[in-house]
Protein backbone atom coordinates (compact mmCIF):
# COMPACT_ATOMS: atom_id res chain seq x y z
CA UNK A 1 -40.10 -112.58 -11.87
CA UNK A 2 -37.26 -112.59 -9.36
CA UNK A 3 -34.57 -110.04 -8.59
CA UNK A 4 -31.66 -111.02 -6.36
CA UNK A 5 -30.02 -108.15 -4.53
CA UNK A 6 -26.61 -109.05 -3.20
CA UNK A 7 -24.42 -106.99 -0.94
CA UNK A 8 -21.65 -109.40 -1.88
CA UNK A 9 -21.55 -107.74 -5.30
CA UNK A 10 -21.96 -104.19 -4.03
CA UNK A 11 -19.37 -101.78 -2.71
CA UNK A 12 -20.13 -99.24 -0.04
CA UNK A 13 -18.48 -97.32 2.75
CA UNK A 14 -19.97 -97.35 6.22
CA UNK A 15 -19.07 -94.63 8.66
CA UNK A 16 -19.13 -94.48 12.41
CA UNK A 17 -17.59 -92.14 14.95
CA UNK A 18 -17.21 -92.24 18.69
CA UNK A 19 -15.99 -90.13 21.56
CA UNK A 20 -14.88 -91.83 24.75
CA UNK A 21 -16.73 -94.97 23.66
CA UNK A 22 -20.03 -93.13 23.17
CA UNK A 23 -21.63 -92.98 19.68
CA UNK A 24 -21.98 -89.50 18.16
CA UNK A 25 -25.18 -88.80 16.25
CA UNK A 26 -25.07 -87.15 12.82
CA UNK A 27 -27.76 -84.65 11.94
CA UNK A 28 -29.93 -85.30 8.89
CA UNK A 29 -31.03 -82.53 6.54
CA UNK A 30 -31.50 -81.93 2.83
CA UNK A 31 -29.61 -79.75 0.35
CA UNK A 32 -31.93 -76.78 0.96
CA UNK A 33 -31.50 -76.97 4.71
CA UNK A 34 -27.75 -77.46 4.39
CA UNK A 35 -27.35 -74.38 2.20
CA UNK A 36 -29.46 -72.27 4.58
CA UNK A 37 -26.83 -72.64 7.31
CA UNK A 38 -25.07 -69.46 8.44
CA UNK A 39 -21.40 -69.41 9.45
CA UNK A 40 -21.13 -73.19 9.16
CA UNK A 41 -18.10 -74.40 11.09
CA UNK A 42 -15.33 -76.21 9.29
CA UNK A 43 -15.58 -79.94 9.93
CA UNK A 44 -19.38 -79.93 10.30
CA UNK A 45 -20.72 -83.37 9.39
CA UNK A 46 -24.26 -84.02 8.11
CA UNK A 47 -26.23 -86.68 6.26
CA UNK A 48 -27.76 -85.07 3.15
CA UNK A 49 -31.04 -86.89 2.46
CA UNK A 50 -31.37 -85.27 -0.98
CA UNK A 51 -28.03 -86.61 -2.23
CA UNK A 52 -28.19 -89.65 0.08
CA UNK A 53 -24.64 -88.87 1.14
CA UNK A 54 -22.64 -88.24 4.27
CA UNK A 55 -21.05 -84.80 3.73
CA UNK A 56 -18.46 -82.67 5.55
CA UNK A 57 -17.81 -78.89 5.30
CA UNK A 58 -14.13 -78.18 4.58
CA UNK A 59 -14.38 -74.45 5.21
CA UNK A 60 -15.13 -73.59 1.58
CA UNK A 61 -17.55 -76.21 0.30
CA UNK A 62 -19.45 -79.35 1.19
CA UNK A 63 -17.56 -82.51 0.28
CA UNK A 64 -19.58 -85.67 -0.26
CA UNK A 65 -19.16 -89.20 -1.51
CA UNK A 66 -19.75 -91.06 1.71
CA UNK A 67 -22.96 -92.82 0.73
CA UNK A 68 -25.24 -95.16 2.62
CA UNK A 69 -25.10 -98.90 1.81
CA UNK A 70 -26.78 -100.25 -1.32
CA UNK A 71 -30.25 -101.62 -0.52
CA UNK A 72 -33.55 -102.30 -2.26
CA UNK A 73 -37.21 -102.79 -1.38
CA UNK A 74 -40.17 -104.12 -3.36
CA UNK A 75 -42.12 -107.28 -4.20
CA UNK A 76 -42.18 -110.26 -1.88
CA UNK A 77 -38.84 -110.21 -0.08
CA UNK A 78 -37.16 -113.39 1.15
CA UNK A 79 -33.73 -114.63 2.10
CA UNK A 80 -31.48 -116.53 -0.29
CA UNK A 81 -29.42 -119.67 0.25
CA UNK A 82 -26.45 -117.56 -0.85
CA UNK A 83 -25.07 -115.39 1.96
CA UNK A 84 -25.43 -111.65 1.41
CA UNK A 85 -28.33 -111.89 -1.06
CA UNK A 86 -32.01 -110.98 -0.72
CA UNK A 87 -34.70 -112.11 -3.19
CA UNK A 88 -37.47 -109.82 -4.49
CA UNK A 89 -40.23 -111.80 -6.24
CA UNK A 90 -42.94 -110.08 -8.29
CA UNK A 91 -46.13 -111.87 -9.41
CA UNK A 92 -47.99 -108.63 -10.20
CA UNK A 93 -47.03 -105.08 -11.23
CA UNK A 94 -44.92 -103.13 -8.76
CA UNK A 95 -41.66 -101.24 -8.26
CA UNK A 96 -38.15 -102.02 -7.07
CA UNK A 97 -36.80 -99.05 -5.11
CA UNK A 98 -33.01 -98.81 -4.85
CA UNK A 99 -31.47 -96.64 -2.12
CA UNK A 100 -27.96 -95.66 -1.06
CA UNK A 101 -24.91 -96.44 -3.12
CA UNK A 102 -24.95 -97.97 -6.60
CA UNK A 103 -24.67 -101.75 -6.77
CA UNK A 104 -25.44 -104.82 -8.86
CA UNK A 105 -28.32 -107.30 -8.90
CA UNK A 106 -29.12 -110.61 -10.52
CA UNK A 107 -32.46 -110.71 -12.36
CA UNK A 108 -34.69 -113.34 -13.93
CA UNK A 109 -37.54 -111.98 -16.09
CA UNK A 110 -40.03 -114.28 -17.86
CA UNK A 111 -42.91 -113.07 -20.03
CA UNK A 112 -46.42 -114.50 -20.34
CA UNK A 113 -46.98 -117.54 -22.55
CA UNK A 114 -49.26 -117.72 -25.56
CA UNK A 115 -52.64 -119.47 -25.74
CA UNK A 116 -53.15 -122.66 -27.72
CA UNK A 117 -55.02 -122.57 -31.03
CA UNK A 118 -58.49 -123.99 -31.71
CA UNK A 119 -60.73 -124.78 -34.67
CA UNK A 120 -62.32 -127.65 -36.53
CA UNK A 121 -58.96 -129.45 -36.51
CA UNK A 122 -56.14 -129.61 -33.96
CA UNK A 123 -54.70 -126.22 -33.01
CA UNK A 124 -51.06 -125.64 -32.11
CA UNK A 125 -49.74 -125.13 -28.57
CA UNK A 126 -48.92 -121.69 -27.24
CA UNK A 127 -45.27 -120.64 -27.01
CA UNK A 128 -43.54 -119.71 -23.76
CA UNK A 129 -42.58 -116.14 -22.99
CA UNK A 130 -38.93 -115.24 -23.54
CA UNK A 131 -36.55 -115.60 -20.60
CA UNK A 132 -34.03 -112.90 -19.71
CA UNK A 133 -31.29 -113.43 -17.11
CA UNK A 134 -28.23 -111.53 -15.94
CA UNK A 135 -26.03 -112.29 -12.93
CA UNK A 136 -24.41 -108.85 -12.56
CA UNK A 137 -26.66 -105.98 -13.64
CA UNK A 138 -25.69 -102.49 -12.37
CA UNK A 139 -28.30 -100.30 -10.68
CA UNK A 140 -28.17 -96.74 -9.45
CA UNK A 141 -30.53 -95.35 -6.78
CA UNK A 142 -34.05 -94.83 -8.07
CA UNK A 143 -37.37 -96.54 -8.76
CA UNK A 144 -37.62 -99.31 -11.36
CA UNK A 145 -41.06 -100.26 -12.72
CA UNK A 146 -41.99 -103.94 -12.78
CA UNK A 147 -44.58 -105.47 -15.13
CA UNK A 148 -45.46 -109.17 -15.01
CA UNK A 149 -46.82 -110.38 -18.34
CA UNK A 150 -50.03 -112.39 -18.50
CA UNK A 151 -50.85 -115.42 -20.62
CA UNK A 152 -52.49 -115.06 -24.01
CA UNK A 153 -56.29 -115.09 -24.25
CA UNK A 154 -58.15 -117.84 -26.08
CA UNK A 155 -59.34 -117.02 -29.57
CA UNK A 156 -62.35 -114.69 -29.61
CA UNK A 157 -63.68 -116.79 -32.51
CA UNK A 158 -62.52 -120.39 -31.96
CA UNK A 159 -63.93 -121.65 -35.21
CA UNK A 160 -62.02 -122.08 -38.48
CA UNK A 161 -63.41 -118.86 -39.98
CA UNK A 162 -62.41 -115.20 -40.14
CA UNK A 163 -61.30 -113.07 -38.46
CA UNK A 164 -59.35 -115.22 -36.01
CA UNK A 165 -59.38 -118.70 -37.59
CA UNK A 166 -58.93 -120.16 -34.11
CA UNK A 167 -55.46 -118.67 -33.59
CA UNK A 168 -54.42 -118.41 -29.94
CA UNK A 169 -53.59 -115.07 -28.37
CA UNK A 170 -49.99 -114.11 -27.66
CA UNK A 171 -48.68 -113.54 -24.14
CA UNK A 172 -47.89 -110.05 -22.91
CA UNK A 173 -44.33 -108.89 -22.17
CA UNK A 174 -42.73 -108.60 -18.74
CA UNK A 175 -40.27 -105.85 -17.92
CA UNK A 176 -37.95 -104.72 -15.15
CA UNK A 177 -37.01 -101.09 -15.78
CA UNK A 178 -35.33 -101.12 -19.22
CA UNK A 179 -35.25 -104.93 -19.41
CA UNK A 180 -38.10 -106.19 -21.63
CA UNK A 181 -38.96 -109.86 -22.20
CA UNK A 182 -41.42 -110.51 -25.11
CA UNK A 183 -44.50 -112.67 -24.67
CA UNK A 184 -44.90 -116.09 -26.27
CA UNK A 185 -46.70 -116.55 -29.59
CA UNK A 186 -50.16 -118.05 -29.85
CA UNK A 187 -50.76 -121.45 -31.38
CA UNK A 188 -51.93 -121.68 -34.98
CA UNK A 189 -55.60 -122.44 -35.63
CA UNK A 190 -56.85 -125.76 -36.93
CA UNK A 191 -59.03 -125.34 -39.98
CA UNK A 192 -59.53 -125.62 -43.69
CA UNK A 193 -56.54 -125.73 -46.06
CA UNK A 194 -57.32 -122.19 -47.20
CA UNK A 195 -57.18 -120.70 -43.73
CA UNK A 196 -54.27 -118.24 -43.75
CA UNK A 197 -53.37 -118.50 -40.09
CA UNK A 198 -52.54 -122.14 -39.39
CA UNK A 199 -48.89 -121.16 -38.86
CA UNK A 200 -47.90 -120.58 -35.24
CA UNK A 201 -47.57 -116.96 -34.19
CA UNK A 202 -44.06 -115.52 -33.63
CA UNK A 203 -43.14 -114.51 -30.09
CA UNK A 204 -40.47 -114.83 -27.40
CA UNK A 205 -40.94 -118.53 -28.17
CA UNK A 206 -43.10 -119.26 -31.22
CA UNK A 207 -46.49 -120.94 -31.09
CA UNK A 208 -46.99 -124.38 -32.60
CA UNK A 209 -48.56 -124.83 -36.02
CA UNK A 210 -52.21 -125.88 -36.39
CA UNK A 211 -53.51 -128.62 -38.70
CA UNK A 212 -55.71 -128.69 -41.78
CA UNK A 213 -59.08 -130.36 -42.06
CA UNK A 214 -60.20 -132.46 -43.82
CA UNK A 215 -57.36 -132.43 -46.38
CA UNK A 216 -53.97 -133.75 -45.14
CA UNK A 217 -51.21 -131.18 -44.97
CA UNK A 218 -48.54 -129.63 -42.78
CA UNK A 219 -47.96 -126.24 -41.19
CA UNK A 220 -44.98 -124.58 -39.56
CA UNK A 221 -44.46 -123.25 -36.07
CA UNK A 222 -43.96 -119.60 -35.25
CA UNK A 223 -40.49 -118.12 -35.06
CA UNK A 224 -39.04 -117.52 -31.62
CA UNK A 225 -37.50 -114.06 -31.28
CA UNK A 226 -35.29 -115.29 -28.42
CA UNK A 227 -32.03 -117.16 -29.01
CA UNK A 228 -32.14 -120.93 -28.59
CA UNK A 229 -28.53 -121.54 -27.54
CA UNK A 230 -28.82 -120.82 -23.81
CA UNK A 231 -26.99 -122.93 -21.26
CA UNK A 232 -27.37 -123.15 -17.48
CA UNK A 233 -26.67 -119.85 -15.68
CA UNK A 234 -25.65 -118.07 -18.87
CA UNK A 235 -26.53 -114.40 -19.29
CA UNK A 236 -29.13 -113.95 -21.99
CA UNK A 237 -28.75 -111.70 -25.02
CA UNK A 238 -30.87 -108.56 -25.31
CA UNK A 239 -33.61 -110.52 -27.10
CA UNK A 240 -33.69 -113.21 -24.39
CA UNK A 241 -33.78 -116.99 -24.63
CA UNK A 242 -36.54 -118.65 -26.65
CA UNK A 243 -37.26 -121.29 -29.31
CA UNK A 244 -39.30 -121.79 -32.46
CA UNK A 245 -42.64 -123.55 -32.26
CA UNK A 246 -43.08 -127.02 -33.74
CA UNK A 247 -44.99 -127.70 -36.95
CA UNK A 248 -48.40 -129.39 -37.15
CA UNK A 249 -49.40 -132.11 -39.57
CA UNK A 250 -52.51 -133.91 -40.73
CA UNK A 251 -51.92 -137.36 -42.22
CA UNK A 252 -54.57 -139.78 -43.48
CA UNK A 253 -54.46 -141.73 -40.22
CA UNK A 254 -54.39 -138.84 -37.75
CA UNK A 255 -53.49 -135.27 -37.01
CA UNK A 256 -51.75 -133.24 -34.35
CA UNK A 257 -50.91 -129.61 -33.70
CA UNK A 258 -47.32 -128.57 -33.08
CA UNK A 259 -46.03 -127.81 -29.62
CA UNK A 260 -45.17 -124.27 -28.58
CA UNK A 261 -41.54 -123.34 -28.15
CA UNK A 262 -39.98 -123.37 -24.67
CA UNK A 263 -38.34 -120.39 -22.96
CA UNK A 264 -34.84 -121.91 -22.92
CA UNK A 265 -32.39 -122.45 -20.10
CA UNK A 266 -31.24 -120.08 -17.39
């Protein structure tokens, strides 16, 4: 999962003051300390750490709005080929901490993929996790929880019998604050014609269908909950980009499980 923080898409006001070419320091306090002041002089300037604002006393009240620049920390941080951007990459759970002014980021969130199916016949392939992308997502100061979804587990009972019928496990979702990307569906199991779970499992992208054995027959892939019409660098819908899984088929001269659906295009 990657989050691109770009000052190029953020607005902020920096402040500096000088007297005779010498920098003047600004005291830092919080709202409690600020309000405890007695006979505060008009024109007093402080940095309020509680509000994360530069504030001035106008003789009657504290006036704010001069905030520190938009910035963020978290994950593995690296530079970008685009000037003004920093990349935050998460491969495990964590947090993105935003400080200063509000700003915008570009995010790419991909969920865990599903596991392939198993059984006495060919199982279907696991589907990819849904992909969510946005090139201008607004953030306010605060902490945003990151979860990186894992791949689906193999069937606890890989044979063609109950309770699993060889169906692959689905991937787990990934999320960035309120942005949730569903995991991919597991592949359908390969088993007897009466097995009820040869169809691929729905997910961000659906799992592929399994095949029957020994009787020829066909099965369908799981439905992808993500949209399949994504193009390069297009912002995804709220359900993300994804695709349906392919169907499996057993013919007299061979058999093959369906492929899992792909995550789509960023």
